[in-house]
Amino acid sequence: MNRALKFRRNLWGIAAIVTAILGFAFFFALRSASQAESLFDWSAHAEEVLDKTSQVRFGRSRLMNQVWAFRVTRDPGLPGRFRDDMENLRLNMRDLRTLAADNPRQREILAELAPLIDAQLVLLQKSMESAVENNTPVAEISTSSLPFQPSDHVRDLFDTMEKDERHLLVERTAAVHANVERTHRVLLVAGILTVIILCGLVYLVQREIFWRATVEGGLRRAQEMLGVRYEGQRAELGHVLEDLHEQIRARAQAEERVHQLNADLGRRVRQRTAELEEMNRELEAFSYSVSHDLRAPLRHLDGFSRILQQTYGPQLPEGAQHYLERIRSAAKHMSELVEDLLQLARVGRQATRRETQSMRLLVDEARKEIEPECVERDIRWEIGALPELEVDPGLFRLVFTNLFSNAVKFTRDRQVATIEVGSFEGTGVSVIFVRDNGAGFDPRHADKLFGVFQRLHRQDEFEGTGIGLATVHRVIQKHGGRVWAESQVNQGACFYFSVPTGSAGTVEPKEAIGAAV
């Protein structure tokens, strides 16, 4: 009895020591992590100050180069970019003052630097305005015609700021490394102590087990020598075996019932699936039939209204001519709607013929198809690296055509439209995206984008039938992927779709790959 009590006390003592060591290591690691987080924040702050300083220096040089370049090339786009870059430079200077507010030395340098930069900006603006008004021959232009020459003093101020900030960054980085090294040492010591204590605990347990095994062996030998037999134990064992057999039979019956339920459930699922497929086929046939039946009346409506307008147009009042024009516009819109419905029905019925296909090739073909929509538009295409996937080329060309057509349409209010195409890898899938800087949409209504006839803009703002994205959704579903979109109003939109590359998986956002072309 005393031996068992002593053993339990030893176990509790060892557990208390291990808990204390691990608690101290955890507390020290938590405090070190907090300190490291603070040091990382200050290091990031120093890197941000260095980045803003570089942006200001580069922006100043860029403005000087643009003034000289405009005098040489007379590029009409340079004055606009000059104004944008000047505004960006002022914003960067303001951000730099905010970031350097905690450093008295940097505040002094900025107090001296800011008036010099402002004076140079005024001179540069006047020089650009003068260059716009005058048309100086290229032969008379030289670097000495700039409003001022690069200042060594300004450059020295920038160098001093960067030197001080890099010194701070080195100090903070060294502090982070020291903190990490200290944490490693503490955790190593705590781990070694814990291992040593646990080894002692294993020794005590093994010794106790050996002692108990010895005692039990002695008792067993004594019982065998005395010849003690307990008939009651044998009967009890028989009852236990009988109960065990009964439990086994009950479990076998339960398993059989589960198998029957699973078979019934599978039959019901197959029945419901067949009913759903039949309903889908009926809906597609109905849509196809209605679309075909509507084409002839629409052609008659448009043709006769055109004849009426051409034959009797001069004799009709202005209001009647307006109504005829609206009738023809509505007939054209309805015809486009019918064509899109037919295309959607064809996509639903068409079997996919998959083959390994370069996505870049399909993107180029889709761009050629929408070239008529890009006439007299300034569109910048940024197409990154795209994978080769097992897809139906015709259907995926339709996907890119619809997405590009949407991007061109919704960026027409932008002076320079940007359309970016890229990809990244998820778990078991490849994700391709199409991003633009157009009108965007309210993200609260994103779930309505891919439904038939669902539109988030009025017809007088952006024309359309509301079927293009539904077609994209159906094509991606036929390939086992999914499609979704992200956007904010007036901040552009980004459409993503995934295509399985192996075993199905979930999409995890990663940095997009791709370079401008």
Protein backbone atom coordinates (compact mmCIF):
# COMPACT_ATOMS: atom_id res chain seq x y z
CA MET A 1 0.00 0.00 0.00
CA ASN A 2 2.81 2.38 0.94
CA ARG A 3 4.66 1.48 -2.27
CA ALA A 4 1.63 2.30 -4.47
CA LEU A 5 1.09 5.62 -2.65
CA LYS A 6 4.74 6.56 -3.09
CA PHE A 7 4.53 5.67 -6.79
CA ARG A 8 1.50 7.93 -7.31
CA ARG A 9 3.24 10.79 -5.49
CA ASN A 10 6.27 10.43 -7.75
CA LEU A 11 4.07 10.53 -10.83
CA TRP A 12 2.31 13.70 -9.64
CA GLY A 13 5.62 15.36 -8.83
CA ILE A 14 7.08 14.58 -12.25
CA ALA A 15 3.89 15.80 -13.96
CA ALA A 16 4.08 19.07 -12.00
CA ILE A 17 7.73 19.62 -12.99
CA VAL A 18 7.03 18.91 -16.69
CA THR A 19 4.01 21.23 -16.60
CA ALA A 20 6.10 24.00 -15.01
CA ILE A 21 8.88 23.65 -17.61
CA LEU A 22 6.46 23.59 -20.54
CA GLY A 23 4.48 26.49 -19.07
CA PHE A 24 7.64 28.59 -18.74
CA ALA A 25 8.72 27.68 -22.29
CA PHE A 26 5.25 28.55 -23.61
CA PHE A 27 5.19 31.89 -21.76
CA PHE A 28 8.68 32.80 -22.98
CA ALA A 29 7.85 31.76 -26.57
CA LEU A 30 4.62 33.79 -26.44
CA ARG A 31 6.47 36.86 -25.18
CA SER A 32 9.19 36.41 -27.81
CA ALA A 33 6.56 36.08 -30.51
CA SER A 34 4.96 39.34 -29.35
CA GLN A 35 8.33 41.09 -29.42
CA ALA A 36 9.13 39.60 -32.83
CA GLU A 37 5.79 40.79 -34.18
CA SER A 38 6.54 44.33 -32.99
CA LEU A 39 10.03 44.21 -34.51
CA PHE A 40 8.66 42.87 -37.76
CA ASP A 41 6.17 45.74 -37.87
CA TRP A 42 8.98 48.28 -37.43
CA SER A 43 11.08 46.52 -40.07
CA ALA A 44 8.14 46.63 -42.46
CA HIS A 45 7.71 50.34 -41.61
CA ALA A 46 11.37 51.00 -42.49
CA GLU A 47 11.01 49.08 -45.80
CA GLU A 48 7.88 51.10 -46.60
CA VAL A 49 9.75 54.38 -45.95
CA LEU A 50 12.56 53.21 -48.26
CA ASP A 51 10.02 52.23 -50.93
CA LYS A 52 8.24 55.61 -50.74
CA THR A 53 11.60 57.44 -50.90
CA SER A 54 12.53 55.48 -54.04
CA GLN A 55 9.12 56.24 -55.59
CA VAL A 56 9.55 59.98 -54.95
CA ARG A 57 13.06 59.96 -56.46
CA PHE A 58 11.90 57.98 -59.47
CA GLY A 59 8.79 60.13 -59.91
CA ARG A 60 10.88 63.33 -59.93
CA SER A 61 13.23 61.90 -62.57
CA ARG A 62 10.29 60.59 -64.60
CA LEU A 63 8.68 64.06 -64.72
CA MET A 64 11.93 65.60 -65.98
CA ASN A 65 12.24 62.89 -68.64
CA GLN A 66 8.63 63.40 -69.76
CA VAL A 67 9.18 67.15 -70.27
CA TRP A 68 12.26 66.47 -72.39
CA ALA A 69 10.57 63.57 -74.24
CA PHE A 70 7.51 65.70 -75.11
CA ARG A 71 9.72 68.41 -76.58
CA VAL A 72 11.42 65.80 -78.71
CA THR A 73 8.54 63.49 -79.71
CA ARG A 74 5.45 65.75 -79.28
CA ASP A 75 3.60 62.62 -78.11
CA PRO A 76 0.02 63.84 -77.32
CA GLY A 77 -0.33 61.31 -74.50
CA LEU A 78 2.67 62.60 -72.51
CA PRO A 79 0.97 65.70 -70.96
CA GLY A 80 -1.79 63.52 -69.50
CA ARG A 81 0.69 61.02 -68.07
CA PHE A 82 2.77 63.98 -66.83
CA ARG A 83 -0.19 65.30 -64.81
CA ASP A 84 -0.93 61.84 -63.41
CA ASP A 85 2.71 61.29 -62.41
CA MET A 86 2.89 64.73 -60.78
CA GLU A 87 -0.22 63.94 -58.73
CA ASN A 88 1.28 60.57 -57.76
CA LEU A 89 4.50 62.29 -56.70
CA ARG A 90 2.59 64.70 -54.44
CA LEU A 91 0.66 61.77 -52.92
CA ASN A 92 3.93 59.86 -52.34
CA MET A 93 5.47 62.92 -50.63
CA ARG A 94 2.42 63.17 -48.36
CA ASP A 95 2.66 59.45 -47.54
CA LEU A 96 6.39 59.83 -46.85
CA ARG A 97 5.72 62.66 -44.36
CA THR A 98 3.16 60.46 -42.60
CA LEU A 99 5.52 57.48 -42.42
CA ALA A 100 8.44 59.60 -41.15
CA ALA A 101 6.38 61.34 -38.45
CA ASP A 102 7.91 59.12 -35.73
CA ASN A 103 11.52 59.99 -36.68
CA PRO A 104 12.70 63.55 -35.78
CA ARG A 105 15.76 63.25 -38.04
CA GLN A 106 13.61 62.27 -41.05
CA ARG A 107 11.16 65.08 -40.29
CA GLU A 108 14.00 67.61 -40.41
CA ILE A 109 15.20 66.27 -43.77
CA LEU A 110 11.68 66.31 -45.20
CA ALA A 111 11.13 69.84 -43.92
CA GLU A 112 14.16 70.89 -45.96
CA LEU A 113 13.39 68.64 -48.94
CA ALA A 114 9.69 69.38 -49.43
CA PRO A 115 10.08 73.08 -50.47
CA LEU A 116 12.79 72.11 -52.97
CA ILE A 117 10.58 69.40 -54.51
CA ASP A 118 7.55 71.73 -54.63
CA ALA A 119 9.60 74.44 -56.36
CA GLN A 120 10.90 71.94 -58.92
CA LEU A 121 7.37 70.65 -59.57
CA VAL A 122 6.16 74.19 -60.25
CA LEU A 123 9.04 74.73 -62.71
CA LEU A 124 8.37 71.39 -64.40
CA GLN A 125 4.66 72.16 -64.78
CA LYS A 126 5.41 75.55 -66.29
CA SER A 127 7.94 73.96 -68.62
CA MET A 128 5.45 71.35 -69.79
CA GLU A 129 2.76 74.01 -70.35
CA SER A 130 5.26 76.07 -72.31
CA ALA A 131 6.22 73.03 -74.37
CA VAL A 132 2.55 72.29 -75.13
CA GLU A 133 1.93 75.87 -76.31
CA ASN A 134 5.14 76.14 -78.35
CA ASN A 135 6.44 73.84 -81.05
CA THR A 136 10.20 74.00 -80.67
CA PRO A 137 12.14 72.23 -83.46
CA VAL A 138 13.88 69.05 -82.36
CA ALA A 139 17.28 70.41 -83.37
CA GLU A 140 16.97 73.24 -80.79
CA ILE A 141 16.14 70.91 -77.88
CA SER A 142 18.78 69.78 -75.41
CA THR A 143 18.96 68.76 -71.79
CA SER A 144 19.95 72.33 -70.89
CA SER A 145 16.46 73.46 -71.95
CA LEU A 146 14.95 71.82 -68.86
CA PRO A 147 13.68 74.27 -66.21
CA PHE A 148 16.44 73.19 -63.84
CA GLN A 149 19.40 70.83 -63.70
CA PRO A 150 19.54 67.87 -61.29
CA SER A 151 20.41 69.14 -57.81
CA ASP A 152 23.21 67.48 -55.84
CA HIS A 153 21.69 68.84 -52.64
CA VAL A 154 18.32 67.16 -53.27
CA ARG A 155 20.11 63.93 -54.14
CA ASP A 156 22.17 64.15 -50.94
CA LEU A 157 19.00 64.65 -48.87
CA PHE A 158 17.45 61.55 -50.44
CA ASP A 159 20.69 59.59 -49.86
CA THR A 160 20.76 60.68 -46.20
CA MET A 161 17.15 59.57 -45.68
CA GLU A 162 17.79 56.19 -47.26
CA LYS A 163 21.03 55.71 -45.31
CA ASP A 164 19.33 56.47 -41.96
CA GLU A 165 16.38 54.21 -42.76
CA ARG A 166 18.62 51.34 -43.90
CA HIS A 167 20.58 51.70 -40.65
CA LEU A 168 17.32 51.42 -38.69
CA LEU A 169 16.31 48.41 -40.80
CA VAL A 170 19.64 46.66 -40.07
CA GLU A 171 19.26 47.31 -36.32
CA ARG A 172 15.69 45.99 -36.25
CA THR A 173 16.59 42.95 -38.31
CA ALA A 174 19.46 42.16 -35.95
CA ALA A 175 17.08 42.50 -33.00
CA VAL A 176 14.66 40.06 -34.65
CA HIS A 177 17.44 37.52 -35.20
CA ALA A 178 18.64 37.90 -31.62
CA ASN A 179 15.12 37.37 -30.31
CA VAL A 180 14.68 34.26 -32.48
CA GLU A 181 18.04 32.86 -31.33
CA ARG A 182 17.14 33.45 -27.68
CA THR A 183 13.79 31.70 -28.15
CA HIS A 184 15.49 28.73 -29.81
CA ARG A 185 17.90 28.35 -26.89
CA VAL A 186 15.12 28.47 -24.30
CA LEU A 187 12.98 25.97 -26.20
CA LEU A 188 15.98 23.66 -26.69
CA VAL A 189 16.80 23.69 -22.97
CA ALA A 190 13.15 23.13 -22.07
CA GLY A 191 12.93 20.24 -24.53
CA ILE A 192 16.08 18.61 -23.17
CA LEU A 193 14.86 18.90 -19.58
CA THR A 194 11.46 17.52 -20.54
CA VAL A 195 13.04 14.54 -22.32
CA ILE A 196 15.27 13.81 -19.32
CA ILE A 197 12.33 13.97 -16.91
CA LEU A 198 10.18 11.79 -19.16
CA CYS A 199 12.99 9.23 -19.37
CA GLY A 200 13.01 9.14 -15.56
CA LEU A 201 9.26 8.69 -15.58
CA VAL A 202 9.54 5.77 -18.02
CA TYR A 203 12.14 4.19 -15.75
CA LEU A 204 9.86 4.47 -12.71
CA VAL A 205 6.88 3.03 -14.61
CA GLN A 206 8.92 0.13 -15.97
CA ARG A 207 10.25 -0.65 -12.50
CA GLU A 208 6.72 -0.57 -11.06
CA ILE A 209 5.43 -2.83 -13.84
CA PHE A 210 8.26 -5.31 -13.25
CA TRP A 211 7.55 -5.38 -9.53
CA ARG A 212 3.83 -5.94 -10.06
CA ALA A 213 4.49 -8.68 -12.63
CA THR A 214 6.75 -10.43 -10.11
CA VAL A 215 4.06 -10.27 -7.43
CA GLU A 216 1.36 -11.51 -9.79
CA GLY A 217 3.56 -14.39 -10.92
CA GLY A 218 4.13 -15.44 -7.33
CA LEU A 219 0.40 -15.36 -6.58
CA ARG A 220 -0.37 -17.40 -9.70
CA ARG A 221 2.16 -20.08 -8.77
CA ALA A 222 0.78 -20.22 -5.24
CA GLN A 223 -2.77 -20.64 -6.57
CA GLU A 224 -1.69 -23.48 -8.88
CA MET A 225 0.12 -25.25 -6.02
CA LEU A 226 -2.95 -25.03 -3.78
CA GLY A 227 -5.17 -26.40 -6.59
CA VAL A 228 -7.90 -23.86 -6.08
CA ARG A 229 -10.60 -24.06 -8.73
CA TYR A 230 -13.71 -21.96 -8.93
CA GLU A 231 -16.62 -23.62 -10.69
CA GLY A 232 -18.62 -20.41 -10.43
CA GLN A 233 -16.09 -18.61 -12.59
CA ARG A 234 -16.48 -21.26 -15.30
CA ALA A 235 -20.27 -20.86 -15.31
CA GLU A 236 -19.90 -17.10 -15.41
CA LEU A 237 -17.55 -17.44 -18.36
CA GLY A 238 -20.15 -19.56 -20.15
CA HIS A 239 -22.79 -16.86 -19.65
CA VAL A 240 -20.35 -14.23 -20.92
CA LEU A 241 -19.67 -16.26 -24.08
CA GLU A 242 -23.40 -16.73 -24.67
CA ASP A 243 -23.99 -12.97 -24.33
CA LEU A 244 -21.12 -12.33 -26.71
CA HIS A 245 -22.62 -14.64 -29.36
CA GLU A 246 -25.99 -12.89 -28.98
CA GLN A 247 -24.35 -9.52 -29.51
CA ILE A 248 -22.57 -10.80 -32.62
CA ARG A 249 -25.89 -12.04 -34.10
CA ALA A 250 -27.57 -8.69 -33.32
CA ARG A 251 -24.72 -6.82 -34.96
CA ALA A 252 -24.94 -9.01 -38.08
CA GLN A 253 -28.66 -8.29 -38.34
CA ALA A 254 -28.04 -4.54 -37.96
CA GLU A 255 -25.38 -4.63 -40.70
CA GLU A 256 -27.82 -6.45 -43.02
CA ARG A 257 -30.42 -3.77 -42.35
CA VAL A 258 -27.88 -1.03 -43.13
CA HIS A 259 -27.00 -2.76 -46.43
CA GLN A 260 -30.69 -2.91 -47.36
CA LEU A 261 -31.16 0.79 -46.53
CA ASN A 262 -28.09 1.73 -48.60
CA ALA A 263 -29.37 -0.27 -51.57
CA ASP A 264 -32.80 1.40 -51.28
CA LEU A 265 -31.16 4.82 -51.05
CA GLY A 266 -29.03 4.13 -54.14
CA ARG A 267 -32.11 3.06 -56.09
CA ARG A 268 -33.94 6.25 -55.10
CA VAL A 269 -30.95 8.41 -56.03
CA ARG A 270 -30.74 6.77 -59.47
CA GLN A 271 -34.49 7.25 -59.96
CA ARG A 272 -34.33 10.94 -58.99
CA THR A 273 -31.27 11.45 -61.21
CA ALA A 274 -33.05 9.90 -64.19
CA GLU A 275 -36.12 12.11 -63.57
CA LEU A 276 -33.94 15.20 -63.33
CA GLU A 277 -32.07 14.36 -66.54
CA GLU A 278 -35.40 13.82 -68.33
CA MET A 279 -36.67 17.21 -67.10
CA ASN A 280 -33.45 18.89 -68.29
CA ARG A 281 -33.81 17.31 -71.72
CA GLU A 282 -37.43 18.48 -71.95
CA LEU A 283 -36.44 22.01 -70.94
CA GLU A 284 -33.64 22.13 -73.50
CA ALA A 285 -35.96 20.82 -76.23
CA PHE A 286 -38.58 23.41 -75.28
CA SER A 287 -36.02 26.23 -75.35
CA TYR A 288 -34.68 25.09 -78.72
CA SER A 289 -38.20 24.79 -80.22
CA VAL A 290 -39.35 28.19 -78.93
CA SER A 291 -36.19 29.87 -80.21
CA HIS A 292 -36.66 28.41 -83.70
CA ASP A 293 -40.37 29.30 -83.80
CA LEU A 294 -39.61 32.91 -82.88
CA ARG A 295 -37.09 33.55 -85.66
CA ALA A 296 -39.56 33.78 -88.57
CA PRO A 297 -41.96 36.30 -86.91
CA LEU A 298 -38.98 38.43 -85.88
CA ARG A 299 -37.63 38.49 -89.44
CA HIS A 300 -41.07 39.51 -90.71
CA LEU A 301 -41.38 42.22 -88.05
CA ASP A 302 -37.96 43.67 -88.84
CA GLY A 303 -38.37 43.34 -92.64
CA PHE A 304 -41.82 44.91 -92.93
CA SER A 305 -40.96 47.73 -90.51
CA ARG A 306 -37.79 48.44 -92.59
CA ILE A 307 -39.90 48.50 -95.80
CA LEU A 308 -42.42 50.80 -94.12
CA GLN A 309 -39.63 53.09 -92.94
CA GLN A 310 -37.88 53.21 -96.33
CA THR A 311 -41.08 53.58 -98.42
CA TYR A 312 -43.23 55.86 -96.31
CA GLY A 313 -40.61 57.32 -93.96
CA PRO A 314 -40.67 60.88 -95.39
CA GLN A 315 -44.48 60.95 -95.20
CA LEU A 316 -44.68 59.80 -91.57
CA PRO A 317 -44.57 62.25 -88.67
CA GLU A 318 -41.49 62.33 -86.48
CA GLY A 319 -43.23 60.42 -83.68
CA ALA A 320 -44.23 57.58 -86.00
CA GLN A 321 -40.66 57.35 -87.33
CA HIS A 322 -39.44 57.15 -83.73
CA TYR A 323 -41.86 54.32 -82.99
CA LEU A 324 -40.75 52.43 -86.10
CA GLU A 325 -37.12 52.80 -85.03
CA ARG A 326 -37.99 51.44 -81.58
CA ILE A 327 -39.85 48.51 -83.18
CA ARG A 328 -36.80 47.63 -85.29
CA SER A 329 -34.47 48.00 -82.27
CA ALA A 330 -36.68 45.72 -80.18
CA ALA A 331 -36.87 43.17 -83.01
CA LYS A 332 -33.06 43.20 -83.32
CA HIS A 333 -32.67 42.74 -79.55
CA MET A 334 -35.17 39.87 -79.60
CA SER A 335 -33.31 38.26 -82.51
CA GLU A 336 -30.03 38.46 -80.58
CA LEU A 337 -31.81 36.96 -77.59
CA VAL A 338 -33.10 34.07 -79.70
CA GLU A 339 -29.63 33.43 -81.14
CA ASP A 340 -28.15 33.37 -77.62
CA LEU A 341 -30.88 30.97 -76.48
CA LEU A 342 -30.10 28.67 -79.40
CA GLN A 343 -26.41 28.78 -78.52
CA LEU A 344 -27.21 27.99 -74.86
CA ALA A 345 -29.40 25.06 -75.95
CA ARG A 346 -26.65 23.76 -78.25
CA VAL A 347 -24.11 23.95 -75.42
CA GLY A 348 -26.46 21.97 -73.17
CA ARG A 349 -26.95 19.21 -75.74
CA GLN A 350 -23.44 19.08 -77.17
CA ALA A 351 -21.19 16.26 -75.98
CA THR A 352 -17.72 17.39 -74.92
CA ARG A 353 -14.81 16.21 -77.09
CA ARG A 354 -11.83 16.74 -74.83
CA GLU A 355 -8.27 17.03 -76.02
CA THR A 356 -5.09 18.60 -74.73
CA GLN A 357 -5.34 22.23 -75.79
CA SER A 358 -3.22 25.35 -75.21
CA MET A 359 -5.27 28.00 -73.44
CA ARG A 360 -3.07 30.71 -74.98
CA LEU A 361 -4.09 29.58 -78.47
CA LEU A 362 -7.79 29.72 -77.57
CA VAL A 363 -7.31 33.19 -76.04
CA ASP A 364 -5.71 34.47 -79.25
CA GLU A 365 -8.54 33.03 -81.37
CA ALA A 366 -11.17 34.61 -79.09
CA ARG A 367 -9.42 37.99 -79.35
CA LYS A 368 -9.61 37.79 -83.14
CA GLU A 369 -13.35 37.08 -82.96
CA ILE A 370 -14.05 40.25 -80.96
CA GLU A 371 -11.72 42.53 -82.98
CA PRO A 372 -14.74 44.35 -84.58
CA GLU A 373 -15.83 45.39 -81.07
CA CYS A 374 -12.38 46.89 -80.35
CA VAL A 375 -12.32 49.33 -83.30
CA GLU A 376 -11.33 52.87 -82.23
CA ARG A 377 -10.69 51.64 -78.67
CA ASP A 378 -7.46 51.95 -76.67
CA ILE A 379 -7.28 48.51 -75.05
CA ARG A 380 -4.24 47.16 -73.24
CA TRP A 381 -4.13 43.34 -73.16
CA GLU A 382 -2.07 41.69 -70.40
CA ILE A 383 -1.88 37.94 -71.03
CA GLY A 384 0.19 35.83 -68.65
CA ALA A 385 1.37 32.24 -68.77
CA LEU A 386 -1.56 29.88 -69.40
CA PRO A 387 -1.58 26.07 -69.00
CA GLU A 388 -2.49 23.28 -71.40
CA LEU A 389 -5.69 21.52 -70.29
CA GLU A 390 -7.95 18.62 -71.32
CA VAL A 391 -10.97 20.58 -72.67
CA ASP A 392 -13.34 20.88 -75.61
CA PRO A 393 -11.65 23.56 -77.80
CA GLY A 394 -14.88 24.84 -79.36
CA LEU A 395 -16.69 25.26 -76.04
CA PHE A 396 -13.72 26.91 -74.32
CA ARG A 397 -13.23 29.30 -77.25
CA LEU A 398 -16.87 30.31 -76.62
CA VAL A 399 -16.06 30.85 -72.91
CA PHE A 400 -13.17 33.23 -73.70
CA THR A 401 -15.19 35.02 -76.41
CA ASN A 402 -18.07 35.75 -74.01
CA LEU A 403 -15.74 36.89 -71.19
CA PHE A 404 -13.67 39.11 -73.53
CA SER A 405 -16.81 40.60 -75.11
CA ASN A 406 -18.11 41.47 -71.64
CA ALA A 407 -14.77 43.03 -70.65
CA VAL A 408 -14.65 45.15 -73.85
CA LYS A 409 -18.26 46.25 -73.37
CA PHE A 410 -18.00 47.25 -69.72
CA THR A 411 -14.68 49.15 -70.18
CA ARG A 412 -15.87 51.37 -73.03
CA ASP A 413 -16.18 54.36 -70.63
CA ARG A 414 -12.46 54.06 -69.78
CA GLN A 415 -9.98 56.15 -71.74
CA VAL A 416 -7.48 53.27 -71.57
CA ALA A 417 -9.07 49.86 -71.01
CA THR A 418 -7.00 47.10 -69.38
CA ILE A 419 -7.93 43.42 -69.81
CA GLU A 420 -5.74 40.89 -67.98
CA VAL A 421 -5.73 37.11 -68.46
CA GLY A 422 -3.75 34.85 -66.12
CA SER A 423 -3.83 31.59 -64.19
CA PHE A 424 -2.75 29.90 -60.97
CA GLU A 425 -2.82 26.37 -59.62
CA GLY A 426 -5.22 25.12 -56.93
CA THR A 427 -5.50 21.68 -55.33
CA GLY A 428 -6.24 19.37 -58.25
CA VAL A 429 -7.44 22.23 -60.48
CA SER A 430 -6.11 24.99 -62.71
CA VAL A 431 -7.79 28.37 -62.27
CA ILE A 432 -7.90 30.93 -65.12
CA PHE A 433 -9.09 34.51 -64.60
CA VAL A 434 -10.09 37.47 -66.81
CA ARG A 435 -9.80 40.86 -65.08
CA ASP A 436 -10.77 44.33 -66.40
CA ASN A 437 -10.90 47.90 -65.12
CA GLY A 438 -14.47 48.54 -66.25
CA ALA A 439 -17.72 49.51 -64.56
CA GLY A 440 -17.78 46.50 -62.19
CA PHE A 441 -20.89 45.46 -60.26
CA ASP A 442 -22.31 45.32 -56.74
CA PRO A 443 -20.83 42.18 -55.09
CA ARG A 444 -24.06 41.67 -53.15
CA HIS A 445 -25.70 40.54 -56.41
CA ALA A 446 -22.85 38.29 -57.61
CA ASP A 447 -25.02 35.17 -57.20
CA LYS A 448 -27.32 36.43 -60.00
CA LEU A 449 -24.57 36.82 -62.61
CA PHE A 450 -24.67 33.35 -64.11
CA GLY A 451 -28.44 32.89 -64.37
CA VAL A 452 -30.30 33.13 -67.68
CA PHE A 453 -31.67 36.66 -68.38
CA GLN A 454 -30.00 37.99 -65.20
CA ARG A 455 -28.42 41.44 -65.75
CA LEU A 456 -26.98 43.87 -63.19
CA HIS A 457 -27.02 46.96 -65.47
CA ARG A 458 -29.83 48.70 -67.32
CA GLN A 459 -30.23 48.16 -71.08
CA ASP A 460 -29.65 51.85 -71.79
CA GLU A 461 -26.31 51.68 -69.91
CA PHE A 462 -24.89 48.49 -71.39
CA GLU A 463 -26.72 46.45 -74.00
CA GLY A 464 -26.96 42.67 -73.72
CA THR A 465 -29.23 39.65 -73.41
CA GLY A 466 -28.14 38.19 -70.07
CA ILE A 467 -27.26 34.80 -71.58
CA GLY A 468 -23.49 35.03 -72.22
CA LEU A 469 -22.41 34.33 -68.62
CA ALA A 470 -25.05 31.60 -68.32
CA THR A 471 -23.39 29.94 -71.34
CA VAL A 472 -19.96 30.27 -69.66
CA HIS A 473 -21.38 28.70 -66.49
CA ARG A 474 -22.84 25.75 -68.39
CA VAL A 475 -19.60 25.05 -70.31
CA ILE A 476 -17.49 25.08 -67.14
CA GLN A 477 -19.99 22.80 -65.38
CA LYS A 478 -19.79 20.32 -68.27
CA HIS A 479 -16.02 20.18 -67.67
CA GLY A 480 -16.44 19.51 -63.95
CA GLY A 481 -15.27 22.97 -62.82
CA ARG A 482 -16.89 26.03 -61.32
CA VAL A 483 -17.02 29.76 -62.14
CA TRP A 484 -17.24 32.79 -59.85
CA ALA A 485 -16.62 36.55 -59.95
CA GLU A 486 -15.25 39.33 -57.72
CA SER A 487 -15.89 43.04 -58.21
CA GLN A 488 -16.67 46.45 -56.74
CA VAL A 489 -18.70 49.19 -58.40
CA ASN A 490 -16.49 51.31 -60.76
CA GLN A 491 -13.42 49.24 -59.80
CA GLY A 492 -13.51 46.61 -62.52
CA ALA A 493 -14.41 42.92 -62.32
CA CYS A 494 -12.52 39.63 -62.24
CA PHE A 495 -14.07 36.36 -63.48
CA TYR A 496 -12.50 33.06 -62.38
CA PHE A 497 -13.16 29.53 -63.62
CA SER A 498 -11.51 26.28 -62.59
CA VAL A 499 -10.81 23.15 -64.63
CA PRO A 500 -9.85 19.84 -62.93
CA THR A 501 -6.34 18.65 -63.76
CA GLY A 502 -6.37 15.42 -61.75
CA SER A 503 -8.24 14.42 -58.61
CA ALA A 504 -10.96 16.92 -57.73
CA GLY A 505 -9.98 19.49 -55.16
CA THR A 506 -10.72 22.86 -53.72
CA VAL A 507 -9.41 26.13 -55.08
CA GLU A 508 -6.99 27.97 -52.85
CA PRO A 509 -6.19 31.57 -53.84
CA LYS A 510 -2.58 32.09 -54.86
CA GLU A 511 -0.65 34.82 -56.56
CA ALA A 512 -1.57 34.98 -60.23
CA ILE A 513 1.15 34.30 -62.77
CA GLY A 514 1.58 36.19 -65.98
CA ALA A 515 3.36 39.11 -67.64
CA ALA A 516 2.11 41.93 -69.83
CA VAL A 517 2.20 41.47 -73.59
